[in-house]
Amino acid sequence: MSDASDHPFDKLDPTDFEELCVKLLRRLNYQNVDWRKGTSGKSSGADGGYDIEAFLPRTDPDGHTWRERWFVECKQRRTKSLRFGDVETLLQLHSKADVLLIMYDGELTVYNRQLFDDWREIHPRTRLRIWAGHYLKYLYDKHLRTDESALKAFLEALDRTSHDDSNERRSAFTALEQIGIANPNLRQGVIDEICSYLRAPARPGPEEPRLRLYLQNILRRHLTAWDENEEPTDDVWTGMSLDLSGAELTDFTFLEGSVHRADFTGTRFAGTTNFQGTRFEDRADFSNASFAGRASFTGCKFSMAGADFIGATFGERCTFHRASFEGVADFSDARFTEEASFLRTHFADCAEFRRTVFQDGVTYECAVFGGDTHFTNADFGSMGFFGDACFRSVVSFRKAVPADNIDLHNALAEPSLVARTWPEGWTPAFSACLAVVRAEERKNVVSRDGSGPLCRGCRPQGVCRLRPVEQG
C-alpha cells in the first residue's frame, strides 16, 4: 500500500474525489452508478443529501437475484475530522435506501465513531457503512492504481496495433489481452482499443477479416459467459463499457454477456447476431443499427437507463422473447423486414413503437406493457398479434395501419386503460373484450356459460380483432 504522503487522494479537489469514488464503485461491480453532480463544471451542485446512487446485485441461496439500493455521500475533509452533523441529511434518507455509504478520505475520531454506532442501534433496518481513508486507499491500490511496468507494456502494445503488418497487429492485441487478464485496472483500456480498431475502416489484405473476428472473440471471451468454442469462461471482466458505434461486425455473438454502457449507434451487423441472455447495466443504444441476418435478443435485460432501437433495421427474423426493459424502450422508426417477436417481453416503463414498420407482422403474445405504450403511425403488416398481452397503462394505436387485422384475444387491461386510441376507421370486433373494457365494467360482463368474466364468451368464433367501422 502506498504511503499517505504520495497518495492520489492528497491531490484531488472535492469534485475529483467524487469522480474517483464513482470509478471505484463501478470497478466494484455496482450498477447504474448515478453521479448527482448537478453541473457540468468543476463544482458540484445541490445533491439532496447524497452524491451517488448505485445498485449492488445480490443473489439468494435459492438463486433469486435482486439489487440493493445504495445512497453514497463523498466527504473529502483532508485533515479535518468527519462530524456526525456533516452527513445528517444523508442519514435522514434511511427509509429510502437499503444501504447508506459514507466515503471519507480521513479517519473517524473515537467520539464520532460512537455517534454513528448509536445511530445504527436506533435504525437497525438500514445498514450504514463508512469507508474511511485507510480502506479507501486499500481499495484504490487494489482496483484502480496501475503498476508502472504494466502500463509501459500496455503503451508499447498499443503502439503496435497500428503496424502495417497484420501479424504484428494480431500479436499486439494478444499482448493487450494478456495485460488485461493480469491487470484489472487496464481492462477498460484494452476494450477501448479493440473497439477503436473495429470502428475504423477495414484495412486491405486477406488477413483483415480474420483479425477482426479474432478481436470479436476477445470481447466474447472476457465479457460473456461463453468463449468462441462454446465453452464456459472463467475470466469475465465486469463493469466494462462498449463503444462499437459505426463498426462493421460479422456473426457477432455476445451470449449471456454483461456490459455497463453499450453504444452500437449505426453499427452494421452482418450474418447472424446473438445477444441472448445479455445484461445491459446502463444505457443500450442501437439507434440506426442494421442487422442483415437473424438477430436474437432473447432473455436480454435492459436497465432503467433505457434502450434505444430508434431507426434500426432488421433484415431477417428478430426475436426479443422474454426480454425485459426496466427503462424506456424506444423502437420508433425501426423497420422489421420479416416477422418480429416480442413473446413474453416485459416493458416496465414506456414502450415507443411510433412509425415502426412490421413488414411481415409482429407478435406480442403474453407481453406485459407496464408504462404508456404508443403504436402511433405503426404499420403492422400482415398481423399484429396481442394474444394474452397485458396493458397496465395508456395504449395508443392512433393512425396505425392494421393491414389484415390486429388480434387482441384474451388481452387484458389492468386496472383500466386511462386512454386508448384505435386506428382511424377501425374498432374492436367485440366491445366487451378485455383489451378495451374498463375495470368497473368487467363485473357486469360474464362468459356465455357463466364460468367467468370475458373474453371467451364475447367472441363466438374464438377471435377478437380490430375491424373496419361499419358504415350506416
Foldseek 3Di string as FASTA:
>chain_A
DDDPVPFPLVVDDQQVQLVVVLVLVLLVVWFPKDAQQPDPDSHRDDRQQAGIWTWDWDADPVGDIDIFIEGEHEEEPPPDADAPVVRVRVLVCQVVGQEYEYEYQADHDPVRVVVVVVSCVVPVRHHYYYQYNVNVSVSCVQRADDDPVLVVLLVVLLVQCPPPDPVSNLVSLVSLLVSCLVHVNCVLVSQVSLLVVQQDDFDDDPCRVVSNVVSLQSCQQAFAQAGPVRHGHDHHRASHEHANDNGEEEQRANALGEHEHYHPHLYEYHYEEENDNYEHRAEAENDNYEHQAEYEPANYEADQNEYYPHLYEYNEEYEHHQYETCHEYAHDNYEYCAEYEQDQYEYQEEYHHALYEGQHFYENENYEHNYEYENHQYEGHPEAEHHLYEYAEAYECEQYHGHPWYWQANYAYPQAYPDYYHYPQKDKPFCQARVHDHNVCQVVAAAPVRPGTDDVRRDVVRTIIIDGDDDD
